[in-house]
Amino acid sequence: MSETVHHYKTQGVCSREIRFEVTDGQVHHVVFEGGCRGNTKGVAALAEGMPVQEVIRRLQGIPCQGQHSCPDELAQALLQYQQGQL
């Protein structure tokens, strides 16, 4: 169980940072700094309470204008969390 707020600096997308918590393997309190507010709030709301691995499975590799996307960056942040890098 973790109640630590994790910070992930994004790369190649409009948002600058993603903050999130993981409790009992579930994603909570996702906040994107910057980016398209409607899109990032929607992604955060959909990820709320979802298992980490499921969020990664659903969001990893989603492109935006042929490059990384904010949803993909959330997946990357969660992968780093799983690997103990955050």
PDB file of N, CA and C in Angstrom:
ATOM      1  N   MET A   1       0.846  -1.184   0.000  1.00  0.00           N
ATOM      2  CA  MET A   1       0.000   0.000   0.000  1.00  0.00           C
ATOM      3  C   MET A   1       0.882   1.235   0.000  1.00  0.00           C
ATOM      4  N   SER A   2       0.565   2.195  -0.855  1.00  0.00           N
ATOM      5  CA  SER A   2       1.350   3.420  -0.952  1.00  0.00           C
ATOM      6  C   SER A   2       0.421   4.614  -0.965  1.00  0.00           C
ATOM      7  N   GLU A   3       0.733   5.594  -0.161  1.00  0.00           N
ATOM      8  CA  GLU A   3      -0.020   6.840  -0.202  1.00  0.00           C
ATOM      9  C   GLU A   3       0.896   7.979  -0.595  1.00  0.00           C
ATOM     10  N   THR A   4       2.041   7.647  -1.156  1.00  0.00           N
ATOM     11  CA  THR A   4       2.999   8.626  -1.624  1.00  0.00           C
ATOM     12  C   THR A   4       2.515   9.202  -2.945  1.00  0.00           C
ATOM     13  N   VAL A   5       2.652  10.512  -3.097  1.00  0.00           N
ATOM     14  CA  VAL A   5       2.350  11.133  -4.380  1.00  0.00           C
ATOM     15  C   VAL A   5       3.590  10.992  -5.249  1.00  0.00           C
ATOM     16  N   HIS A   6       3.420  10.345  -6.385  1.00  0.00           N
ATOM     17  CA  HIS A   6       4.521  10.136  -7.321  1.00  0.00           C
ATOM     18  C   HIS A   6       4.483  11.237  -8.374  1.00  0.00           C
ATOM     19  N   HIS A   7       5.651  11.739  -8.746  1.00  0.00           N
ATOM     20  CA  HIS A   7       5.780  12.810  -9.739  1.00  0.00           C
ATOM     21  C   HIS A   7       6.536  12.268 -10.937  1.00  0.00           C
ATOM     22  N   TYR A   8       5.992  12.488 -12.129  1.00  0.00           N
ATOM     23  CA  TYR A   8       6.623  12.031 -13.364  1.00  0.00           C
ATOM     24  C   TYR A   8       6.717  13.215 -14.316  1.00  0.00           C
ATOM     25  N   LYS A   9       7.920  13.543 -14.752  1.00  0.00           N
ATOM     26  CA  LYS A   9       8.144  14.619 -15.726  1.00  0.00           C
ATOM     27  C   LYS A   9       7.927  14.048 -17.120  1.00  0.00           C
ATOM     28  N   THR A  10       6.954  14.589 -17.821  1.00  0.00           N
ATOM     29  CA  THR A  10       6.626  14.079 -19.151  1.00  0.00           C
ATOM     30  C   THR A  10       7.640  14.554 -20.186  1.00  0.00           C
ATOM     31  N   GLN A  11       7.643  13.875 -21.322  1.00  0.00           N
ATOM     32  CA  GLN A  11       8.543  14.232 -22.417  1.00  0.00           C
ATOM     33  C   GLN A  11       7.786  14.168 -23.736  1.00  0.00           C
ATOM     34  N   GLY A  12       7.906  15.219 -24.533  1.00  0.00           N
ATOM     35  CA  GLY A  12       7.348  15.217 -25.878  1.00  0.00           C
ATOM     36  C   GLY A  12       5.848  15.398 -25.970  1.00  0.00           C
ATOM     37  N   VAL A  13       5.212  15.865 -24.894  1.00  0.00           N
ATOM     38  CA  VAL A  13       3.763  16.103 -24.904  1.00  0.00           C
ATOM     39  C   VAL A  13       3.472  17.478 -24.307  1.00  0.00           C
ATOM     40  N   CYS A  14       2.231  17.905 -24.425  1.00  0.00           N
ATOM     41  CA  CYS A  14       1.844  19.237 -23.938  1.00  0.00           C
ATOM     42  C   CYS A  14       1.873  19.344 -22.412  1.00  0.00           C
ATOM     43  N   SER A  15       1.506  18.275 -21.716  1.00  0.00           N
ATOM     44  CA  SER A  15       1.564  18.337 -20.251  1.00  0.00           C
ATOM     45  C   SER A  15       3.021  18.292 -19.794  1.00  0.00           C
ATOM     46  N   ARG A  16       3.279  18.897 -18.639  1.00  0.00           N
ATOM     47  CA  ARG A  16       4.648  18.986 -18.114  1.00  0.00           C
ATOM     48  C   ARG A  16       4.951  17.923 -17.063  1.00  0.00           C
ATOM     49  N   GLU A  17       3.918  17.533 -16.329  1.00  0.00           N
ATOM     50  CA  GLU A  17       4.115  16.612 -15.215  1.00  0.00           C
ATOM     51  C   GLU A  17       2.822  15.858 -14.948  1.00  0.00           C
ATOM     52  N   ILE A  18       2.984  14.633 -14.438  1.00  0.00           N
ATOM     53  CA  ILE A  18       1.840  13.841 -13.981  1.00  0.00           C
ATOM     54  C   ILE A  18       2.104  13.460 -12.530  1.00  0.00           C
ATOM     55  N   ARG A  19       1.098  13.680 -11.678  1.00  0.00           N
ATOM     56  CA  ARG A  19       1.175  13.243 -10.286  1.00  0.00           C
ATOM     57  C   ARG A  19       0.099  12.182 -10.077  1.00  0.00           C
ATOM     58  N   PHE A  20       0.426  11.182  -9.270  1.00  0.00           N
ATOM     59  CA  PHE A  20      -0.549  10.124  -9.004  1.00  0.00           C
ATOM     60  C   PHE A  20      -0.176   9.398  -7.723  1.00  0.00           C
ATOM     61  N   GLU A  21      -1.130   8.652  -7.199  1.00  0.00           N
ATOM     62  CA  GLU A  21      -0.911   7.777  -6.054  1.00  0.00           C
ATOM     63  C   GLU A  21      -1.343   6.368  -6.451  1.00  0.00           C
ATOM     64  N   VAL A  22      -0.754   5.382  -5.802  1.00  0.00           N
ATOM     65  CA  VAL A  22      -1.166   3.992  -5.981  1.00  0.00           C
ATOM     66  C   VAL A  22      -1.433   3.422  -4.594  1.00  0.00           C
ATOM     67  N   THR A  23      -2.630   2.895  -4.407  1.00  0.00           N
ATOM     68  CA  THR A  23      -3.010   2.273  -3.143  1.00  0.00           C
ATOM     69  C   THR A  23      -3.551   0.882  -3.442  1.00  0.00           C
ATOM     70  N   ASP A  24      -2.946  -0.120  -2.819  1.00  0.00           N
ATOM     71  CA  ASP A  24      -3.360  -1.512  -3.024  1.00  0.00           C
ATOM     72  C   ASP A  24      -3.430  -1.875  -4.510  1.00  0.00           C
ATOM     73  N   GLY A  25      -2.461  -1.385  -5.279  1.00  0.00           N
ATOM     74  CA  GLY A  25      -2.374  -1.722  -6.700  1.00  0.00           C
ATOM     75  C   GLY A  25      -3.314  -0.963  -7.607  1.00  0.00           C
ATOM     76  N   GLN A  26      -4.034   0.016  -7.045  1.00  0.00           N
ATOM     77  CA  GLN A  26      -4.975   0.797  -7.842  1.00  0.00           C
ATOM     78  C   GLN A  26      -4.524   2.251  -7.938  1.00  0.00           C
ATOM     79  N   VAL A  27      -4.790   2.845  -9.094  1.00  0.00           N
ATOM     80  CA  VAL A  27      -4.390   4.222  -9.388  1.00  0.00           C
ATOM     81  C   VAL A  27      -5.401   5.194  -8.780  1.00  0.00           C
ATOM     82  N   HIS A  28      -4.882   6.253  -8.146  1.00  0.00           N
ATOM     83  CA  HIS A  28      -5.747   7.276  -7.550  1.00  0.00           C
ATOM     84  C   HIS A  28      -5.140   8.665  -7.724  1.00  0.00           C
ATOM     85  N   HIS A  29      -6.004   9.660  -7.721  1.00  0.00           N
ATOM     86  CA  HIS A  29      -5.619  11.074  -7.666  1.00  0.00           C
ATOM     87  C   HIS A  29      -4.640  11.471  -8.771  1.00  0.00           C
ATOM     88  N   VAL A  30      -4.932  11.077 -10.009  1.00  0.00           N
ATOM     89  CA  VAL A  30      -4.082  11.458 -11.141  1.00  0.00           C
ATOM     90  C   VAL A  30      -4.328  12.928 -11.463  1.00  0.00           C
ATOM     91  N   VAL A  31      -3.236  13.686 -11.577  1.00  0.00           N
ATOM     92  CA  VAL A  31      -3.308  15.097 -11.945  1.00  0.00           C
ATOM     93  C   VAL A  31      -2.255  15.362 -13.011  1.00  0.00           C
ATOM     94  N   PHE A  32      -2.682  15.937 -14.127  1.00  0.00           N
ATOM     95  CA  PHE A  32      -1.767  16.368 -15.181  1.00  0.00           C
ATOM     96  C   PHE A  32      -1.552  17.865 -15.032  1.00  0.00           C
ATOM     97  N   GLU A  33      -0.313  18.312 -15.117  1.00  0.00           N
ATOM     98  CA  GLU A  33       0.000  19.743 -15.148  1.00  0.00           C
ATOM     99  C   GLU A  33       0.217  20.123 -16.599  1.00  0.00           C
ATOM    100  N   GLY A  34      -0.611  21.016 -17.103  1.00  0.00           N
ATOM    101  CA  GLY A  34      -0.532  21.412 -18.503  1.00  0.00           C
ATOM    102  C   GLY A  34      -1.296  20.430 -19.376  1.00  0.00           C
ATOM    103  N   GLY A  35      -1.225  20.656 -20.669  1.00  0.00           N
ATOM    104  CA  GLY A  35      -1.924  19.797 -21.611  1.00  0.00           C
ATOM    105  C   GLY A  35      -3.353  20.248 -21.821  1.00  0.00           C
ATOM    106  N   CYS A  36      -4.070  19.510 -22.635  1.00  0.00           N
ATOM    107  CA  CYS A  36      -5.471  19.805 -22.929  1.00  0.00           C
ATOM    108  C   CYS A  36      -6.306  19.417 -21.709  1.00  0.00           C
ATOM    109  N   ARG A  37      -6.846  20.407 -21.038  1.00  0.00           N
ATOM    110  CA  ARG A  37      -7.514  20.180 -19.757  1.00  0.00           C
ATOM    111  C   ARG A  37      -8.640  19.147 -19.844  1.00  0.00           C
ATOM    112  N   GLY A  38      -9.463  19.237 -20.862  1.00  0.00           N
ATOM    113  CA  GLY A  38     -10.569  18.287 -20.988  1.00  0.00           C
ATOM    114  C   GLY A  38     -10.075  16.861 -21.173  1.00  0.00           C
ATOM    115  N   ASN A  39      -9.090  16.690 -22.024  1.00  0.00           N
ATOM    116  CA  ASN A  39      -8.536  15.360 -22.292  1.00  0.00           C
ATOM    117  C   ASN A  39      -7.871  14.791 -21.045  1.00  0.00           C
ATOM    118  N   THR A  40      -7.019  15.577 -20.406  1.00  0.00           N
ATOM    119  CA  THR A  40      -6.274  15.051 -19.262  1.00  0.00           C
ATOM    120  C   THR A  40      -7.185  14.785 -18.061  1.00  0.00           C
ATOM    121  N   LYS A  41      -8.200  15.626 -17.862  1.00  0.00           N
ATOM    122  CA  LYS A  41      -9.151  15.366 -16.772  1.00  0.00           C
ATOM    123  C   LYS A  41      -9.957  14.103 -17.056  1.00  0.00           C
ATOM    124  N   GLY A  42     -10.292  13.887 -18.323  1.00  0.00           N
ATOM    125  CA  GLY A  42     -11.014  12.678 -18.704  1.00  0.00           C
ATOM    126  C   GLY A  42     -10.186  11.424 -18.476  1.00  0.00           C
ATOM    127  N   VAL A  43      -8.924  11.464 -18.887  1.00  0.00           N
ATOM    128  CA  VAL A  43      -8.029  10.321 -18.680  1.00  0.00           C
ATOM    129  C   VAL A  43      -7.877  10.045 -17.189  1.00  0.00           C
ATOM    130  N   ALA A  44      -7.682  11.106 -16.404  1.00  0.00           N
ATOM    131  CA  ALA A  44      -7.521  10.950 -14.955  1.00  0.00           C
ATOM    132  C   ALA A  44      -8.772  10.326 -14.328  1.00  0.00           C
ATOM    133  N   ALA A  45      -9.951  10.781 -14.753  1.00  0.00           N
ATOM    134  CA  ALA A  45     -11.198  10.247 -14.199  1.00  0.00           C
ATOM    135  C   ALA A  45     -11.382   8.775 -14.561  1.00  0.00           C
ATOM    136  N   LEU A  46     -11.034   8.412 -15.783  1.00  0.00           N
ATOM    137  CA  LEU A  46     -11.178   7.018 -16.209  1.00  0.00           C
ATOM    138  C   LEU A  46     -10.198   6.095 -15.494  1.00  0.00           C
ATOM    139  N   ALA A  47      -9.005   6.596 -15.181  1.00  0.00           N
ATOM    140  CA  ALA A  47      -7.985   5.778 -14.516  1.00  0.00           C
ATOM    141  C   ALA A  47      -8.261   5.605 -13.022  1.00  0.00           C
ATOM    142  N   GLU A  48      -9.063   6.471 -12.438  1.00  0.00           N
ATOM    143  CA  GLU A  48      -9.317   6.453 -10.992  1.00  0.00           C
ATOM    144  C   GLU A  48      -9.839   5.089 -10.537  1.00  0.00           C
ATOM    145  N   GLY A  49      -9.112   4.474  -9.607  1.00  0.00           N
ATOM    146  CA  GLY A  49      -9.521   3.206  -9.025  1.00  0.00           C
ATOM    147  C   GLY A  49      -9.201   1.979  -9.860  1.00  0.00           C
ATOM    148  N   MET A  50      -8.624   2.184 -11.034  1.00  0.00           N
ATOM    149  CA  MET A  50      -8.307   1.068 -11.929  1.00  0.00           C
ATOM    150  C   MET A  50      -6.972   0.440 -11.528  1.00  0.00           C
ATOM    151  N   PRO A  51      -6.828  -0.865 -11.676  1.00  0.00           N
ATOM    152  CA  PRO A  51      -5.533  -1.494 -11.397  1.00  0.00           C
ATOM    153  C   PRO A  51      -4.431  -0.923 -12.294  1.00  0.00           C
ATOM    154  N   VAL A  52      -3.248  -0.775 -11.730  1.00  0.00           N
ATOM    155  CA  VAL A  52      -2.111  -0.196 -12.450  1.00  0.00           C
ATOM    156  C   VAL A  52      -1.906  -0.893 -13.790  1.00  0.00           C
ATOM    157  N   GLN A  53      -1.870  -2.218 -13.779  1.00  0.00           N
ATOM    158  CA  GLN A  53      -1.585  -2.959 -15.014  1.00  0.00           C
ATOM    159  C   GLN A  53      -2.652  -2.725 -16.072  1.00  0.00           C
ATOM    160  N   GLU A  54      -3.893  -2.547 -15.667  1.00  0.00           N
ATOM    161  CA  GLU A  54      -4.974  -2.308 -16.621  1.00  0.00           C
ATOM    162  C   GLU A  54      -4.841  -0.928 -17.262  1.00  0.00           C
ATOM    163  N   VAL A  55      -4.465   0.075 -16.476  1.00  0.00           N
ATOM    164  CA  VAL A  55      -4.246   1.413 -17.038  1.00  0.00           C
ATOM    165  C   VAL A  55      -3.122   1.351 -18.066  1.00  0.00           C
ATOM    166  N   ILE A  56      -2.039   0.676 -17.725  1.00  0.00           N
ATOM    167  CA  ILE A  56      -0.916   0.540 -18.659  1.00  0.00           C
ATOM    168  C   ILE A  56      -1.387  -0.153 -19.937  1.00  0.00           C
ATOM    169  N   ARG A  57      -2.100  -1.254 -19.791  1.00  0.00           N
ATOM    170  CA  ARG A  57      -2.566  -2.023 -20.953  1.00  0.00           C
ATOM    171  C   ARG A  57      -3.429  -1.172 -21.883  1.00  0.00           C
ATOM    172  N   ARG A  58      -4.298  -0.369 -21.310  1.00  0.00           N
ATOM    173  CA  ARG A  58      -5.229   0.421 -22.122  1.00  0.00           C
ATOM    174  C   ARG A  58      -4.588   1.657 -22.752  1.00  0.00           C
ATOM    175  N   LEU A  59      -3.617   2.263 -22.077  1.00  0.00           N
ATOM    176  CA  LEU A  59      -3.106   3.558 -22.532  1.00  0.00           C
ATOM    177  C   LEU A  59      -1.761   3.510 -23.244  1.00  0.00           C
ATOM    178  N   GLN A  60      -0.974   2.478 -23.000  1.00  0.00           N
ATOM    179  CA  GLN A  60       0.368   2.425 -23.578  1.00  0.00           C
ATOM    180  C   GLN A  60       0.300   2.403 -25.104  1.00  0.00           C
ATOM    181  N   GLY A  61       1.074   3.297 -25.717  1.00  0.00           N
ATOM    182  CA  GLY A  61       1.189   3.330 -27.168  1.00  0.00           C
ATOM    183  C   GLY A  61       0.178   4.200 -27.887  1.00  0.00           C
ATOM    184  N   ILE A  62      -0.738   4.841 -27.164  1.00  0.00           N
ATOM    185  CA  ILE A  62      -1.694   5.734 -27.823  1.00  0.00           C
ATOM    186  C   ILE A  62      -0.928   6.951 -28.341  1.00  0.00           C
ATOM    187  N   PRO A  63      -1.030   7.235 -29.652  1.00  0.00           N
ATOM    188  CA  PRO A  63      -0.290   8.370 -30.207  1.00  0.00           C
ATOM    189  C   PRO A  63      -1.114   9.660 -30.195  1.00  0.00           C
ATOM    190  N   CYS A  64      -0.435  10.771 -30.335  1.00  0.00           N
ATOM    191  CA  CYS A  64      -1.058  12.081 -30.523  1.00  0.00           C
ATOM    192  C   CYS A  64      -0.261  12.773 -31.624  1.00  0.00           C
ATOM    193  N   GLN A  65      -0.883  13.018 -32.729  1.00  0.00           N
ATOM    194  CA  GLN A  65      -0.218  13.639 -33.874  1.00  0.00           C
ATOM    195  C   GLN A  65       1.052  12.880 -34.250  1.00  0.00           C
ATOM    196  N   GLY A  66       0.972  11.561 -34.195  1.00  0.00           N
ATOM    197  CA  GLY A  66       2.078  10.714 -34.602  1.00  0.00           C
ATOM    198  C   GLY A  66       3.190  10.554 -33.589  1.00  0.00           C
ATOM    199  N   GLN A  67       3.017  11.120 -32.398  1.00  0.00           N
ATOM    200  CA  GLN A  67       4.053  11.030 -31.369  1.00  0.00           C
ATOM    201  C   GLN A  67       3.435  10.531 -30.069  1.00  0.00           C
ATOM    202  N   HIS A  68       4.158  10.733 -28.967  1.00  0.00           N
ATOM    203  CA  HIS A  68       3.642  10.356 -27.645  1.00  0.00           C
ATOM    204  C   HIS A  68       2.364  11.130 -27.354  1.00  0.00           C
ATOM    205  N   SER A  69       1.576  10.621 -26.430  1.00  0.00           N
ATOM    206  CA  SER A  69       0.366  11.305 -25.984  1.00  0.00           C
ATOM    207  C   SER A  69       0.377  11.385 -24.465  1.00  0.00           C
ATOM    208  N   CYS A  70      -0.485  12.215 -23.922  1.00  0.00           N
ATOM    209  CA  CYS A  70      -0.604  12.288 -22.461  1.00  0.00           C
ATOM    210  C   CYS A  70      -1.061  10.947 -21.873  1.00  0.00           C
ATOM    211  N   PRO A  71      -2.026  10.233 -22.494  1.00  0.00           N
ATOM    212  CA  PRO A  71      -2.367   8.915 -21.966  1.00  0.00           C
ATOM    213  C   PRO A  71      -1.180   7.954 -21.981  1.00  0.00           C
ATOM    214  N   ASP A  72      -0.402   7.955 -23.062  1.00  0.00           N
ATOM    215  CA  ASP A  72       0.780   7.095 -23.131  1.00  0.00           C
ATOM    216  C   ASP A  72       1.788   7.487 -22.055  1.00  0.00           C
ATOM    217  N   GLU A  73       1.930   8.769 -21.788  1.00  0.00           N
ATOM    218  CA  GLU A  73       2.859   9.214 -20.746  1.00  0.00           C
ATOM    219  C   GLU A  73       2.411   8.731 -19.369  1.00  0.00           C
ATOM    220  N   LEU A  74       1.096   8.673 -19.121  1.00  0.00           N
ATOM    221  CA  LEU A  74       0.616   8.108 -17.855  1.00  0.00           C
ATOM    222  C   LEU A  74       1.005   6.633 -17.775  1.00  0.00           C
ATOM    223  N   ALA A  75       0.863   5.912 -18.874  1.00  0.00           N
ATOM    224  CA  ALA A  75       1.282   4.505 -18.896  1.00  0.00           C
ATOM    225  C   ALA A  75       2.775   4.388 -18.607  1.00  0.00           C
ATOM    226  N   GLN A  76       3.590   5.269 -19.187  1.00  0.00           N
ATOM    227  CA  GLN A  76       5.035   5.239 -18.950  1.00  0.00           C
ATOM    228  C   GLN A  76       5.348   5.541 -17.484  1.00  0.00           C
ATOM    229  N   ALA A  77       4.615   6.490 -16.907  1.00  0.00           N
ATOM    230  CA  ALA A  77       4.812   6.823 -15.493  1.00  0.00           C
ATOM    231  C   ALA A  77       4.506   5.616 -14.614  1.00  0.00           C
ATOM    232  N   LEU A  78       3.432   4.915 -14.922  1.00  0.00           N
ATOM    233  CA  LEU A  78       3.055   3.746 -14.128  1.00  0.00           C
ATOM    234  C   LEU A  78       4.036   2.593 -14.321  1.00  0.00           C
ATOM    235  N   LEU A  79       4.579   2.452 -15.521  1.00  0.00           N
ATOM    236  CA  LEU A  79       5.626   1.447 -15.742  1.00  0.00           C
ATOM    237  C   LEU A  79       6.849   1.750 -14.879  1.00  0.00           C
ATOM    238  N   GLN A  80       7.245   3.023 -14.841  1.00  0.00           N
ATOM    239  CA  GLN A  80       8.382   3.399 -13.994  1.00  0.00           C
ATOM    240  C   GLN A  80       8.066   3.143 -12.527  1.00  0.00           C
ATOM    241  N   TYR A  81       6.836   3.416 -12.115  1.00  0.00           N
ATOM    242  CA  TYR A  81       6.420   3.128 -10.739  1.00  0.00           C
ATOM    243  C   TYR A  81       6.577   1.631 -10.456  1.00  0.00           C
ATOM    244  N   GLN A  82       6.083   0.785 -11.367  1.00  0.00           N
ATOM    245  CA  GLN A  82       6.178  -0.665 -11.170  1.00  0.00           C
ATOM    246  C   GLN A  82       7.624  -1.135 -11.067  1.00  0.00           C
ATOM    247  N   GLN A  83       8.516  -0.482 -11.783  1.00  0.00           N
ATOM    248  CA  GLN A  83       9.927  -0.863 -11.797  1.00  0.00           C
ATOM    249  C   GLN A  83      10.711  -0.225 -10.654  1.00  0.00           C
ATOM    250  N   GLY A  84      10.001   0.508  -9.781  1.00  0.00           N
ATOM    251  CA  GLY A  84      10.645   1.129  -8.632  1.00  0.00           C
ATOM    252  C   GLY A  84      11.474   2.349  -8.969  1.00  0.00           C
ATOM    253  N   GLN A  85      11.219   2.958 -10.128  1.00  0.00           N
ATOM    254  CA  GLN A  85      11.992   4.119 -10.555  1.00  0.00           C
ATOM    255  C   GLN A  85      11.350   5.438 -10.156  1.00  0.00           C
ATOM    256  N   LEU A  86      10.157   5.403  -9.580  1.00  0.00           N
ATOM    257  CA  LEU A  86       9.500   6.626  -9.100  1.00  0.00           C
ATOM    258  C   LEU A  86       9.272   6.499  -7.603  1.00  0.00           C
TER     259      LEU A  86
END
